[in-house]
Amino acid sequence: MYKDKLIIIGAGGHANACIDVIEQTNLFEIVGLVGALEELHSIRFGYKVLGTNSDLLEFSKIYKKAVIGVGQIHTSQPRFFLYQELVDLNFQLPIVVATIAHVSRHAVLGAGTIVMNGAVVNAGAKVGENCIINTGAILEHDVTVGSHTHISTGAIVNGDVKIGDCCFIGSGCIIRNGVSIGNNCLVRMGSVIKSDIESGITFSFKHSYE
């Protein structure tokens, strides 16, 4: 079976998890990774770090598809700027879904989004471009997630919730049905969100957002 060649941008922990999910799909041939200068020529699960970001123009002449394997916690900027650079270089950014995740056929995922092991994206959910739906996260029915947003491990996003662009929703967060969260918000792990959060807010797990 023919497999599209694919390069992973990033060579850290999130890239390792991406490798596992990409291998599961059996749709792509990982040709190598792009990492930092000090990571050059190192091996990740059998795949070599072939170059750095300064080599992306040359790689774009050889490979058509790329996955962003850089994680996101405090800021979405590294993933956001990488996404823009890859698009400008005419890379295609495929949607990748782990074989042991569930994405409803009535859900919509944007380009460059990855859905990790055990995650659920339920009917009517819409997820933007370049998002991470991480291990065990749940997006219930009719949830909307903007682009460049990371829904972290084990987060529970209940029905009709709206989350903006460039957000981070930490591990184990619970978001009440119908809540809206603005753009550029950081919600720390374990937080319980019961009402709307305006754009630009960093919210701590120490207090429920009533």
C-alpha atoms as a PDB file:
ATOM      1  CA  MET A   1       0.000   0.000   0.000  1.00  0.00           C
ATOM      2  CA  TYR A   2       1.323   3.430  -0.959  1.00  0.00           C
ATOM      3  CA  LYS A   3       1.903   5.795   1.967  1.00  0.00           C
ATOM      4  CA  ASP A   4       2.368   9.544   1.735  1.00  0.00           C
ATOM      5  CA  LYS A   5       5.786  10.682   2.949  1.00  0.00           C
ATOM      6  CA  LEU A   6       5.567  12.925   5.977  1.00  0.00           C
ATOM      7  CA  ILE A   7       8.030  14.925   8.058  1.00  0.00           C
ATOM      8  CA  ILE A   8       7.482  15.823  11.724  1.00  0.00           C
ATOM      9  CA  ILE A   9       8.417  19.309  12.872  1.00  0.00           C
ATOM     10  CA  GLY A  10       9.714  18.984  16.440  1.00  0.00           C
ATOM     11  CA  ALA A  11      11.724  16.310  18.209  1.00  0.00           C
ATOM     12  CA  GLY A  12      10.626  16.399  21.852  1.00  0.00           C
ATOM     13  CA  GLY A  13       8.030  14.608  23.966  1.00  0.00           C
ATOM     14  CA  HIS A  14       5.001  15.649  21.945  1.00  0.00           C
ATOM     15  CA  ALA A  15       6.742  14.551  18.757  1.00  0.00           C
ATOM     16  CA  ASN A  16       7.232  11.110  20.346  1.00  0.00           C
ATOM     17  CA  ALA A  17       3.487  10.882  20.997  1.00  0.00           C
ATOM     18  CA  CYS A  18       2.765  12.037  17.444  1.00  0.00           C
ATOM     19  CA  ILE A  19       5.002   9.297  16.059  1.00  0.00           C
ATOM     20  CA  ASP A  20       2.980   6.683  17.933  1.00  0.00           C
ATOM     21  CA  VAL A  21      -0.338   7.989  16.616  1.00  0.00           C
ATOM     22  CA  ILE A  22       0.911   8.443  13.046  1.00  0.00           C
ATOM     23  CA  GLU A  23       2.290   4.903  12.985  1.00  0.00           C
ATOM     24  CA  GLN A  24      -1.084   3.554  14.167  1.00  0.00           C
ATOM     25  CA  THR A  25      -2.907   5.058  11.206  1.00  0.00           C
ATOM     26  CA  ASN A  26      -0.709   3.200   8.712  1.00  0.00           C
ATOM     27  CA  LEU A  27      -1.380   6.019   6.239  1.00  0.00           C
ATOM     28  CA  PHE A  28       1.968   7.815   6.244  1.00  0.00           C
ATOM     29  CA  GLU A  29       5.658   7.063   5.928  1.00  0.00           C
ATOM     30  CA  ILE A  30       7.570   9.146   8.472  1.00  0.00           C
ATOM     31  CA  VAL A  31      10.796  10.157   6.734  1.00  0.00           C
ATOM     32  CA  GLY A  32      12.322  11.959   9.719  1.00  0.00           C
ATOM     33  CA  LEU A  33      12.053  14.916  12.058  1.00  0.00           C
ATOM     34  CA  VAL A  34      13.059  18.562  12.215  1.00  0.00           C
ATOM     35  CA  GLY A  35      14.521  19.629  15.552  1.00  0.00           C
ATOM     36  CA  ALA A  36      16.839  22.031  17.341  1.00  0.00           C
ATOM     37  CA  LEU A  37      20.507  22.250  16.377  1.00  0.00           C
ATOM     38  CA  GLU A  38      21.562  20.183  19.393  1.00  0.00           C
ATOM     39  CA  GLU A  39      19.116  17.434  18.346  1.00  0.00           C
ATOM     40  CA  LEU A  40      20.499  17.134  14.819  1.00  0.00           C
ATOM     41  CA  HIS A  41      21.175  13.518  13.741  1.00  0.00           C
ATOM     42  CA  SER A  42      19.716  12.092  16.962  1.00  0.00           C
ATOM     43  CA  ILE A  43      17.195   9.254  16.683  1.00  0.00           C
ATOM     44  CA  ARG A  44      13.598   9.223  17.959  1.00  0.00           C
ATOM     45  CA  PHE A  45      11.963   5.772  17.870  1.00  0.00           C
ATOM     46  CA  GLY A  46      14.004   4.896  14.803  1.00  0.00           C
ATOM     47  CA  TYR A  47      13.552   8.217  12.976  1.00  0.00           C
ATOM     48  CA  LYS A  48      16.449  10.619  12.460  1.00  0.00           C
ATOM     49  CA  VAL A  49      16.388  14.361  13.101  1.00  0.00           C
ATOM     50  CA  LEU A  50      17.241  15.423   9.554  1.00  0.00           C
ATOM     51  CA  GLY A  51      17.574  19.159   9.994  1.00  0.00           C
ATOM     52  CA  THR A  52      16.453  22.324  11.740  1.00  0.00           C
ATOM     53  CA  ASN A  53      13.837  24.954  10.938  1.00  0.00           C
ATOM     54  CA  SER A  54      16.379  26.689   8.700  1.00  0.00           C
ATOM     55  CA  ASP A  55      16.107  23.667   6.373  1.00  0.00           C
ATOM     56  CA  LEU A  56      12.316  23.842   5.945  1.00  0.00           C
ATOM     57  CA  LEU A  57      12.488  25.567   2.569  1.00  0.00           C
ATOM     58  CA  GLU A  58      14.666  22.766   1.186  1.00  0.00           C
ATOM     59  CA  PHE A  59      12.495  20.070   2.766  1.00  0.00           C
ATOM     60  CA  SER A  60       9.401  21.660   1.187  1.00  0.00           C
ATOM     61  CA  LYS A  61      10.883  20.893  -2.226  1.00  0.00           C
ATOM     62  CA  ILE A  62      11.103  17.188  -1.351  1.00  0.00           C
ATOM     63  CA  TYR A  63       8.209  16.448   1.013  1.00  0.00           C
ATOM     64  CA  LYS A  64       4.615  17.641   0.698  1.00  0.00           C
ATOM     65  CA  LYS A  65       3.157  16.744   4.081  1.00  0.00           C
ATOM     66  CA  ALA A  66       4.165  17.797   7.590  1.00  0.00           C
ATOM     67  CA  VAL A  67       2.878  17.355  11.132  1.00  0.00           C
ATOM     68  CA  ILE A  68       3.710  19.859  13.858  1.00  0.00           C
ATOM     69  CA  GLY A  69       5.186  17.817  16.690  1.00  0.00           C
ATOM     70  CA  VAL A  70       5.802  20.788  18.983  1.00  0.00           C
ATOM     71  CA  GLY A  71       3.682  20.825  22.130  1.00  0.00           C
ATOM     72  CA  GLN A  72       1.789  23.738  23.622  1.00  0.00           C
ATOM     73  CA  ILE A  73       1.282  24.741  27.252  1.00  0.00           C
ATOM     74  CA  HIS A  74       1.939  28.357  28.229  1.00  0.00           C
ATOM     75  CA  THR A  75       1.690  29.886  24.773  1.00  0.00           C
ATOM     76  CA  SER A  76       0.415  28.892  21.363  1.00  0.00           C
ATOM     77  CA  GLN A  77       2.931  31.100  19.551  1.00  0.00           C
ATOM     78  CA  PRO A  78       5.505  28.436  18.543  1.00  0.00           C
ATOM     79  CA  ARG A  79       2.814  26.208  16.998  1.00  0.00           C
ATOM     80  CA  PHE A  80       0.996  29.197  15.494  1.00  0.00           C
ATOM     81  CA  PHE A  81       4.100  30.575  13.751  1.00  0.00           C
ATOM     82  CA  LEU A  82       5.215  27.110  12.632  1.00  0.00           C
ATOM     83  CA  TYR A  83       1.787  26.538  11.109  1.00  0.00           C
ATOM     84  CA  GLN A  84       1.934  29.829   9.226  1.00  0.00           C
ATOM     85  CA  GLU A  85       5.459  29.079   7.975  1.00  0.00           C
ATOM     86  CA  LEU A  86       4.514  25.607   6.780  1.00  0.00           C
ATOM     87  CA  VAL A  87       1.422  26.905   4.978  1.00  0.00           C
ATOM     88  CA  ASP A  88       3.534  29.624   3.322  1.00  0.00           C
ATOM     89  CA  LEU A  89       5.933  26.900   2.150  1.00  0.00           C
ATOM     90  CA  ASN A  90       2.983  24.982   0.645  1.00  0.00           C
ATOM     91  CA  PHE A  91       3.221  22.020   2.982  1.00  0.00           C
ATOM     92  CA  GLN A  92      -0.001  20.066   3.414  1.00  0.00           C
ATOM     93  CA  LEU A  93      -0.907  19.558   7.075  1.00  0.00           C
ATOM     94  CA  PRO A  94      -3.013  16.399   7.362  1.00  0.00           C
ATOM     95  CA  ILE A  95      -5.574  15.651  10.030  1.00  0.00           C
ATOM     96  CA  VAL A  96      -4.281  12.755  12.153  1.00  0.00           C
ATOM     97  CA  VAL A  97      -6.606  10.672  14.339  1.00  0.00           C
ATOM     98  CA  ALA A  98      -5.395   7.830  16.554  1.00  0.00           C
ATOM     99  CA  THR A  99      -7.009   4.510  15.751  1.00  0.00           C
ATOM    100  CA  ILE A 100      -8.087   4.208  19.395  1.00  0.00           C
ATOM    101  CA  ALA A 101      -9.708   7.655  19.456  1.00  0.00           C
ATOM    102  CA  HIS A 102     -13.321   8.256  18.476  1.00  0.00           C
ATOM    103  CA  VAL A 103     -14.202  11.112  16.153  1.00  0.00           C
ATOM    104  CA  SER A 104     -17.850  11.199  15.136  1.00  0.00           C
ATOM    105  CA  ARG A 105     -18.532  11.243  11.412  1.00  0.00           C
ATOM    106  CA  HIS A 106     -20.705  14.254  12.269  1.00  0.00           C
ATOM    107  CA  ALA A 107     -17.722  16.181  13.700  1.00  0.00           C
ATOM    108  CA  VAL A 108     -15.398  18.499  11.760  1.00  0.00           C
ATOM    109  CA  LEU A 109     -11.617  18.786  12.241  1.00  0.00           C
ATOM    110  CA  GLY A 110      -9.385  21.464  10.726  1.00  0.00           C
ATOM    111  CA  ALA A 111      -6.099  20.974   8.882  1.00  0.00           C
ATOM    112  CA  GLY A 112      -3.117  20.068  11.035  1.00  0.00           C
ATOM    113  CA  THR A 113      -5.192  18.910  13.996  1.00  0.00           C
ATOM    114  CA  ILE A 114      -4.160  15.728  15.802  1.00  0.00           C
ATOM    115  CA  VAL A 115      -6.447  13.611  17.995  1.00  0.00           C
ATOM    116  CA  MET A 116      -4.509  11.442  20.414  1.00  0.00           C
ATOM    117  CA  ASN A 117      -5.163   8.037  21.973  1.00  0.00           C
ATOM    118  CA  GLY A 118      -8.459   7.590  23.775  1.00  0.00           C
ATOM    119  CA  ALA A 119      -9.838  11.023  22.956  1.00  0.00           C
ATOM    120  CA  VAL A 120     -13.505  11.483  22.004  1.00  0.00           C
ATOM    121  CA  VAL A 121     -14.837  14.130  19.623  1.00  0.00           C
ATOM    122  CA  ASN A 122     -18.582  13.745  19.608  1.00  0.00           C
ATOM    123  CA  ALA A 123     -21.326  14.524  17.110  1.00  0.00           C
ATOM    124  CA  GLY A 124     -21.624  18.139  15.990  1.00  0.00           C
ATOM    125  CA  ALA A 125     -18.242  19.165  17.413  1.00  0.00           C
ATOM    126  CA  LYS A 126     -16.110  21.538  15.323  1.00  0.00           C
ATOM    127  CA  VAL A 127     -12.364  21.805  15.894  1.00  0.00           C
ATOM    128  CA  GLY A 128     -10.231  24.385  14.114  1.00  0.00           C
ATOM    129  CA  GLU A 129      -6.814  24.166  12.482  1.00  0.00           C
ATOM    130  CA  ASN A 130      -3.587  23.078  14.180  1.00  0.00           C
ATOM    131  CA  CYS A 131      -5.211  21.843  17.400  1.00  0.00           C
ATOM    132  CA  ILE A 132      -4.119  19.133  19.823  1.00  0.00           C
ATOM    133  CA  ILE A 133      -6.918  17.014  21.281  1.00  0.00           C
ATOM    134  CA  ASN A 134      -4.744  15.146  23.714  1.00  0.00           C
ATOM    135  CA  THR A 135      -4.911  11.718  25.311  1.00  0.00           C
ATOM    136  CA  GLY A 136      -8.277  10.919  26.878  1.00  0.00           C
ATOM    137  CA  ALA A 137      -9.795  14.370  26.293  1.00  0.00           C
ATOM    138  CA  ILE A 138     -13.559  14.503  25.720  1.00  0.00           C
ATOM    139  CA  LEU A 139     -15.283  17.016  23.462  1.00  0.00           C
ATOM    140  CA  GLU A 140     -18.995  16.456  23.831  1.00  0.00           C
ATOM    141  CA  HIS A 141     -21.737  17.199  21.321  1.00  0.00           C
ATOM    142  CA  ASP A 142     -21.726  20.548  19.506  1.00  0.00           C
ATOM    143  CA  VAL A 143     -18.536  21.833  21.125  1.00  0.00           C
ATOM    144  CA  THR A 144     -16.634  24.451  19.119  1.00  0.00           C
ATOM    145  CA  VAL A 145     -12.856  24.781  19.478  1.00  0.00           C
ATOM    146  CA  GLY A 146     -10.949  27.525  17.666  1.00  0.00           C
ATOM    147  CA  SER A 147      -7.650  27.127  15.842  1.00  0.00           C
ATOM    148  CA  HIS A 148      -4.234  26.626  17.517  1.00  0.00           C
ATOM    149  CA  THR A 149      -5.829  25.403  20.757  1.00  0.00           C
ATOM    150  CA  HIS A 150      -4.660  22.518  22.949  1.00  0.00           C
ATOM    151  CA  ILE A 151      -7.229  20.486  24.892  1.00  0.00           C
ATOM    152  CA  SER A 152      -4.966  18.616  27.272  1.00  0.00           C
ATOM    153  CA  THR A 153      -5.047  15.123  28.717  1.00  0.00           C
ATOM    154  CA  GLY A 154      -8.260  14.023  30.362  1.00  0.00           C
ATOM    155  CA  ALA A 155     -10.059  17.352  30.000  1.00  0.00           C
ATOM    156  CA  ILE A 156     -13.857  17.135  29.837  1.00  0.00           C
ATOM    157  CA  VAL A 157     -15.516  19.730  27.629  1.00  0.00           C
ATOM    158  CA  ASN A 158     -19.265  19.354  27.924  1.00  0.00           C
ATOM    159  CA  GLY A 159     -21.898  19.990  25.287  1.00  0.00           C
ATOM    160  CA  ASP A 160     -22.267  23.338  23.481  1.00  0.00           C
ATOM    161  CA  VAL A 161     -19.075  24.783  24.990  1.00  0.00           C
ATOM    162  CA  LYS A 162     -17.246  27.342  22.832  1.00  0.00           C
ATOM    163  CA  ILE A 163     -13.471  27.730  23.171  1.00  0.00           C
ATOM    164  CA  GLY A 164     -11.588  30.360  21.202  1.00  0.00           C
ATOM    165  CA  ASP A 165      -8.326  30.445  19.275  1.00  0.00           C
ATOM    166  CA  CYS A 166      -4.879  29.945  20.813  1.00  0.00           C
ATOM    167  CA  CYS A 167      -6.102  28.547  24.137  1.00  0.00           C
ATOM    168  CA  PHE A 168      -4.695  25.926  26.483  1.00  0.00           C
ATOM    169  CA  ILE A 169      -7.139  23.829  28.532  1.00  0.00           C
ATOM    170  CA  GLY A 170      -5.117  21.933  31.140  1.00  0.00           C
ATOM    171  CA  SER A 171      -5.225  18.297  32.149  1.00  0.00           C
ATOM    172  CA  GLY A 172      -8.311  17.168  34.014  1.00  0.00           C
ATOM    173  CA  CYS A 173     -10.269  20.401  33.540  1.00  0.00           C
ATOM    174  CA  ILE A 174     -14.056  20.182  33.550  1.00  0.00           C
ATOM    175  CA  ILE A 175     -16.017  22.777  31.608  1.00  0.00           C
ATOM    176  CA  ARG A 176     -19.735  23.117  32.217  1.00  0.00           C
ATOM    177  CA  ASN A 177     -22.264  22.728  29.412  1.00  0.00           C
ATOM    178  CA  GLY A 178     -22.762  25.905  27.366  1.00  0.00           C
ATOM    179  CA  VAL A 179     -19.790  27.898  28.709  1.00  0.00           C
ATOM    180  CA  SER A 180     -17.850  30.213  26.381  1.00  0.00           C
ATOM    181  CA  ILE A 181     -14.085  30.763  26.716  1.00  0.00           C
ATOM    182  CA  GLY A 182     -12.473  33.575  24.723  1.00  0.00           C
ATOM    183  CA  ASN A 183      -9.271  33.660  22.705  1.00  0.00           C
ATOM    184  CA  ASN A 184      -5.773  33.357  24.192  1.00  0.00           C
ATOM    185  CA  CYS A 185      -6.920  31.852  27.484  1.00  0.00           C
ATOM    186  CA  LEU A 186      -4.855  29.538  29.675  1.00  0.00           C
ATOM    187  CA  VAL A 187      -6.880  27.315  32.004  1.00  0.00           C
ATOM    188  CA  ARG A 188      -4.617  25.445  34.409  1.00  0.00           C
ATOM    189  CA  MET A 189      -4.962  21.749  35.120  1.00  0.00           C
ATOM    190  CA  GLY A 190      -7.803  20.561  37.336  1.00  0.00           C
ATOM    191  CA  SER A 191      -9.854  23.733  36.957  1.00  0.00           C
ATOM    192  CA  VAL A 192     -13.651  23.589  37.060  1.00  0.00           C
ATOM    193  CA  ILE A 193     -15.230  26.187  34.796  1.00  0.00           C
ATOM    194  CA  LYS A 194     -18.894  26.949  35.381  1.00  0.00           C
ATOM    195  CA  SER A 195     -19.322  30.295  33.622  1.00  0.00           C
ATOM    196  CA  ASP A 196     -17.853  32.269  30.729  1.00  0.00           C
ATOM    197  CA  ILE A 197     -14.221  33.429  30.616  1.00  0.00           C
ATOM    198  CA  GLU A 198     -13.181  36.529  28.682  1.00  0.00           C
ATOM    199  CA  SER A 199     -10.303  36.529  26.205  1.00  0.00           C
ATOM    200  CA  GLY A 200      -6.766  36.754  27.558  1.00  0.00           C
ATOM    201  CA  ILE A 201      -7.501  35.267  30.996  1.00  0.00           C
ATOM    202  CA  THR A 202      -5.166  32.875  32.826  1.00  0.00           C
ATOM    203  CA  PHE A 203      -7.275  30.806  35.198  1.00  0.00           C
ATOM    204  CA  SER A 204      -5.876  28.787  38.114  1.00  0.00           C
ATOM    205  CA  PHE A 205      -7.161  25.413  39.273  1.00  0.00           C
ATOM    206  CA  LYS A 206      -7.266  26.755  42.868  1.00  0.00           C
ATOM    207  CA  HIS A 207     -10.701  28.295  42.403  1.00  0.00           C
ATOM    208  CA  SER A 208     -13.740  27.176  40.433  1.00  0.00           C
ATOM    209  CA  TYR A 209     -14.874  29.836  37.960  1.00  0.00           C
ATOM    210  CA  GLU A 210     -18.436  30.313  39.171  1.00  0.00           C
END
